[in-house]
N, C-alpha and C. Protein backbone atom coordinates (compact mmCIF):
# COMPACT_ATOMS: atom_id res chain seq x y z
N MET A 1 -24.12 15.68 -36.37
CA MET A 1 -22.90 14.93 -36.18
C MET A 1 -22.00 15.55 -35.12
N GLY A 2 -22.27 16.77 -34.69
CA GLY A 2 -21.43 17.46 -33.73
C GLY A 2 -21.60 16.93 -32.32
N LYS A 3 -22.75 16.31 -32.02
CA LYS A 3 -23.00 15.81 -30.66
C LYS A 3 -22.55 14.37 -30.54
N ASN A 4 -22.08 14.03 -29.32
CA ASN A 4 -21.71 12.63 -29.12
C ASN A 4 -22.96 11.82 -28.76
N PHE A 5 -22.79 10.52 -28.63
CA PHE A 5 -23.91 9.62 -28.43
C PHE A 5 -24.68 9.92 -27.14
N LYS A 6 -23.97 10.23 -26.06
CA LYS A 6 -24.63 10.48 -24.78
C LYS A 6 -25.48 11.73 -24.84
N GLU A 7 -24.99 12.75 -25.55
CA GLU A 7 -25.79 13.97 -25.68
C GLU A 7 -27.02 13.73 -26.55
N GLN A 8 -26.90 12.88 -27.56
CA GLN A 8 -28.00 12.60 -28.45
C GLN A 8 -29.10 11.81 -27.74
N THR A 9 -28.72 10.88 -26.87
CA THR A 9 -29.71 10.04 -26.20
C THR A 9 -30.25 10.68 -24.93
N GLY A 10 -29.64 11.76 -24.47
CA GLY A 10 -30.13 12.45 -23.28
C GLY A 10 -29.58 11.91 -21.98
N HIS A 11 -28.61 10.98 -22.03
CA HIS A 11 -28.00 10.44 -20.81
C HIS A 11 -26.92 11.40 -20.32
N LYS A 12 -26.92 11.62 -19.02
CA LYS A 12 -25.88 12.45 -18.43
C LYS A 12 -24.79 11.54 -17.90
N GLU A 13 -23.57 11.96 -18.09
CA GLU A 13 -22.43 11.20 -17.62
C GLU A 13 -22.23 11.46 -16.13
N LYS A 14 -22.28 10.39 -15.34
CA LYS A 14 -22.10 10.51 -13.90
C LYS A 14 -20.62 10.28 -13.59
N LYS A 15 -19.94 11.32 -13.14
CA LYS A 15 -18.52 11.21 -12.82
C LYS A 15 -18.38 10.73 -11.39
N GLU A 16 -17.54 9.70 -11.24
CA GLU A 16 -17.36 9.09 -9.93
C GLU A 16 -15.92 8.60 -9.81
N PHE A 17 -15.37 8.69 -8.62
CA PHE A 17 -14.02 8.21 -8.40
C PHE A 17 -13.99 6.68 -8.46
N ILE A 18 -12.87 6.15 -8.91
CA ILE A 18 -12.73 4.70 -8.97
C ILE A 18 -12.61 4.14 -7.56
N PHE A 19 -11.81 4.79 -6.73
CA PHE A 19 -11.60 4.32 -5.36
C PHE A 19 -12.54 5.04 -4.41
N GLN A 20 -13.00 4.31 -3.42
CA GLN A 20 -13.88 4.87 -2.40
C GLN A 20 -13.14 4.88 -1.06
N LYS A 21 -13.85 5.24 -0.01
CA LYS A 21 -13.25 5.35 1.33
C LYS A 21 -12.64 4.03 1.79
N LYS A 22 -13.28 2.92 1.46
CA LYS A 22 -12.79 1.61 1.87
C LYS A 22 -11.42 1.32 1.23
N ASN A 23 -11.27 1.67 -0.06
CA ASN A 23 -9.99 1.48 -0.74
C ASN A 23 -8.88 2.29 -0.07
N TYR A 24 -9.18 3.55 0.22
CA TYR A 24 -8.18 4.42 0.83
C TYR A 24 -7.82 3.97 2.25
N THR A 25 -8.78 3.42 2.97
CA THR A 25 -8.50 2.91 4.31
C THR A 25 -7.49 1.77 4.23
N PHE A 26 -7.74 0.80 3.34
CA PHE A 26 -6.80 -0.30 3.18
C PHE A 26 -5.46 0.20 2.66
N PHE A 27 -5.48 1.21 1.79
CA PHE A 27 -4.26 1.78 1.26
C PHE A 27 -3.38 2.34 2.37
N PHE A 28 -3.97 3.11 3.28
CA PHE A 28 -3.19 3.70 4.36
C PHE A 28 -2.74 2.67 5.40
N VAL A 29 -3.55 1.64 5.62
CA VAL A 29 -3.13 0.56 6.52
C VAL A 29 -1.91 -0.15 5.92
N GLY A 30 -1.95 -0.41 4.62
CA GLY A 30 -0.81 -1.03 3.94
C GLY A 30 0.43 -0.16 4.01
N LEU A 31 0.26 1.14 3.82
CA LEU A 31 1.41 2.05 3.94
C LEU A 31 1.99 2.04 5.34
N ALA A 32 1.13 1.95 6.35
CA ALA A 32 1.60 1.90 7.74
C ALA A 32 2.43 0.62 7.98
N PHE A 33 1.97 -0.52 7.43
CA PHE A 33 2.72 -1.77 7.57
C PHE A 33 4.09 -1.64 6.90
N ILE A 34 4.13 -1.07 5.71
CA ILE A 34 5.39 -0.92 4.99
C ILE A 34 6.33 0.02 5.75
N ALA A 35 5.81 1.14 6.22
CA ALA A 35 6.64 2.09 6.96
C ALA A 35 7.18 1.46 8.25
N LEU A 36 6.33 0.73 8.97
CA LEU A 36 6.77 0.07 10.20
C LEU A 36 7.86 -0.96 9.89
N GLY A 37 7.69 -1.69 8.80
CA GLY A 37 8.71 -2.67 8.41
C GLY A 37 10.05 -2.02 8.14
N PHE A 38 10.04 -0.90 7.41
CA PHE A 38 11.30 -0.23 7.13
C PHE A 38 11.90 0.41 8.38
N ILE A 39 11.08 0.89 9.27
CA ILE A 39 11.59 1.45 10.53
C ILE A 39 12.25 0.35 11.36
N LEU A 40 11.60 -0.82 11.44
CA LEU A 40 12.18 -1.93 12.20
C LEU A 40 13.45 -2.47 11.55
N MET A 41 13.57 -2.32 10.23
CA MET A 41 14.74 -2.81 9.52
C MET A 41 15.96 -1.91 9.70
N SER A 42 15.73 -0.68 10.06
CA SER A 42 16.83 0.29 10.13
C SER A 42 17.70 0.07 11.36
N GLY A 43 18.87 0.65 11.33
CA GLY A 43 19.79 0.58 12.46
C GLY A 43 20.65 -0.67 12.44
N GLY A 44 21.32 -0.90 13.55
CA GLY A 44 22.14 -2.10 13.68
C GLY A 44 23.55 -1.95 13.18
N GLY A 45 23.89 -0.79 12.67
CA GLY A 45 25.24 -0.57 12.18
C GLY A 45 26.17 -0.17 13.30
N SER A 46 27.41 0.04 12.95
CA SER A 46 28.42 0.45 13.92
C SER A 46 29.04 1.76 13.47
N ASP A 47 29.36 2.62 14.41
CA ASP A 47 30.00 3.88 14.09
C ASP A 47 31.46 3.67 13.68
N ASP A 48 32.08 2.65 14.24
CA ASP A 48 33.47 2.34 13.93
C ASP A 48 33.51 1.26 12.85
N PRO A 49 34.11 1.51 11.68
CA PRO A 49 34.12 0.50 10.61
C PRO A 49 34.97 -0.73 10.95
N ASN A 50 35.79 -0.66 11.97
CA ASN A 50 36.62 -1.81 12.35
C ASN A 50 35.91 -2.74 13.32
N VAL A 51 34.73 -2.36 13.80
CA VAL A 51 33.97 -3.17 14.76
C VAL A 51 32.71 -3.68 14.06
N PHE A 52 32.50 -5.00 14.11
CA PHE A 52 31.31 -5.60 13.51
C PHE A 52 30.24 -5.77 14.57
N ASN A 53 29.04 -5.34 14.27
CA ASN A 53 27.93 -5.44 15.20
C ASN A 53 27.03 -6.60 14.78
N GLU A 54 26.92 -7.61 15.64
CA GLU A 54 26.10 -8.80 15.35
C GLU A 54 24.60 -8.48 15.36
N ASP A 55 24.22 -7.31 15.85
CA ASP A 55 22.80 -6.96 15.97
C ASP A 55 22.12 -6.85 14.60
N ILE A 56 22.90 -6.75 13.55
CA ILE A 56 22.31 -6.65 12.22
C ILE A 56 21.60 -7.95 11.82
N TYR A 57 21.97 -9.06 12.45
CA TYR A 57 21.35 -10.35 12.16
C TYR A 57 20.24 -10.72 13.14
N SER A 58 19.66 -9.75 13.80
CA SER A 58 18.61 -10.04 14.79
C SER A 58 17.31 -10.49 14.09
N PHE A 59 16.47 -11.15 14.85
CA PHE A 59 15.18 -11.62 14.33
C PHE A 59 14.36 -10.47 13.77
N ARG A 60 14.42 -9.34 14.45
CA ARG A 60 13.64 -8.17 14.03
C ARG A 60 14.02 -7.71 12.62
N ARG A 61 15.30 -7.70 12.30
CA ARG A 61 15.76 -7.19 11.00
C ARG A 61 15.73 -8.24 9.90
N ILE A 62 15.86 -9.49 10.24
CA ILE A 62 15.93 -10.54 9.22
C ILE A 62 14.57 -11.15 8.92
N ARG A 63 13.72 -11.30 9.90
CA ARG A 63 12.43 -11.97 9.69
C ARG A 63 11.22 -11.03 9.81
N LEU A 64 11.15 -10.31 10.91
CA LEU A 64 9.95 -9.52 11.22
C LEU A 64 9.75 -8.35 10.25
N ALA A 65 10.77 -7.55 10.05
CA ALA A 65 10.63 -6.35 9.22
C ALA A 65 10.31 -6.69 7.75
N PRO A 66 11.03 -7.62 7.10
CA PRO A 66 10.66 -7.94 5.72
C PRO A 66 9.27 -8.57 5.61
N THR A 67 8.86 -9.32 6.62
CA THR A 67 7.52 -9.90 6.61
C THR A 67 6.46 -8.80 6.67
N LEU A 68 6.69 -7.79 7.50
CA LEU A 68 5.75 -6.66 7.58
C LEU A 68 5.69 -5.90 6.26
N VAL A 69 6.82 -5.73 5.59
CA VAL A 69 6.82 -5.05 4.30
C VAL A 69 6.03 -5.86 3.27
N LEU A 70 6.22 -7.16 3.24
CA LEU A 70 5.48 -8.01 2.28
C LEU A 70 3.99 -8.03 2.59
N ILE A 71 3.63 -8.06 3.86
CA ILE A 71 2.21 -8.00 4.24
C ILE A 71 1.62 -6.66 3.79
N GLY A 72 2.37 -5.58 3.98
CA GLY A 72 1.93 -4.26 3.54
C GLY A 72 1.72 -4.20 2.04
N LEU A 73 2.63 -4.80 1.28
CA LEU A 73 2.47 -4.83 -0.18
C LEU A 73 1.24 -5.64 -0.58
N GLY A 74 0.98 -6.73 0.13
CA GLY A 74 -0.22 -7.52 -0.13
C GLY A 74 -1.49 -6.72 0.16
N ILE A 75 -1.48 -5.95 1.23
CA ILE A 75 -2.63 -5.11 1.56
C ILE A 75 -2.82 -4.03 0.48
N GLU A 76 -1.72 -3.50 -0.03
CA GLU A 76 -1.80 -2.49 -1.10
C GLU A 76 -2.44 -3.09 -2.36
N ILE A 77 -2.03 -4.28 -2.72
CA ILE A 77 -2.62 -4.95 -3.89
C ILE A 77 -4.10 -5.18 -3.67
N TYR A 78 -4.46 -5.62 -2.47
CA TYR A 78 -5.88 -5.82 -2.15
C TYR A 78 -6.66 -4.51 -2.23
N ALA A 79 -6.06 -3.42 -1.75
CA ALA A 79 -6.73 -2.12 -1.79
C ALA A 79 -6.98 -1.66 -3.22
N ILE A 80 -6.05 -1.97 -4.12
CA ILE A 80 -6.23 -1.59 -5.51
C ILE A 80 -7.29 -2.45 -6.19
N LEU A 81 -7.30 -3.74 -5.90
CA LEU A 81 -8.23 -4.65 -6.57
C LEU A 81 -9.62 -4.67 -5.94
N LEU A 82 -9.77 -4.12 -4.75
CA LEU A 82 -11.06 -4.11 -4.06
C LEU A 82 -12.07 -3.27 -4.84
N ASN A 83 -13.23 -3.84 -5.07
CA ASN A 83 -14.28 -3.14 -5.79
C ASN A 83 -15.34 -2.69 -4.80
N PRO A 84 -15.36 -1.41 -4.41
CA PRO A 84 -16.33 -0.97 -3.42
C PRO A 84 -17.75 -0.83 -3.99
N HIS A 85 -17.89 -0.88 -5.30
CA HIS A 85 -19.20 -0.73 -5.94
C HIS A 85 -19.95 -2.07 -6.05
N LYS A 86 -19.27 -3.17 -5.71
CA LYS A 86 -19.87 -4.49 -5.83
C LYS A 86 -21.00 -4.65 -4.82
N LYS A 87 -22.12 -5.10 -5.29
CA LYS A 87 -23.28 -5.34 -4.41
C LYS A 87 -23.20 -6.75 -3.85
N ASN A 88 -23.49 -6.88 -2.54
CA ASN A 88 -23.48 -8.21 -1.91
C ASN A 88 -24.75 -8.95 -2.18
């Protein structure tokens, strides 16, 4: 009774990582998209609080940067759900 089922049947447990190189590649690409989105979103402020800078409403900060962040999050979800062990 001291041995578990795998030891009794003679099967060796094969330890393997859940994620493979393909998962990590997509993961880092997604991180790059998110980082680029946040970098593009930054700035546009004014040093003087009495002066309003219209640059904060630019296409880059309102449309492009959030879109890149959302695309990056989608790539991250894909990287997590990707099964590299699946046979074609």
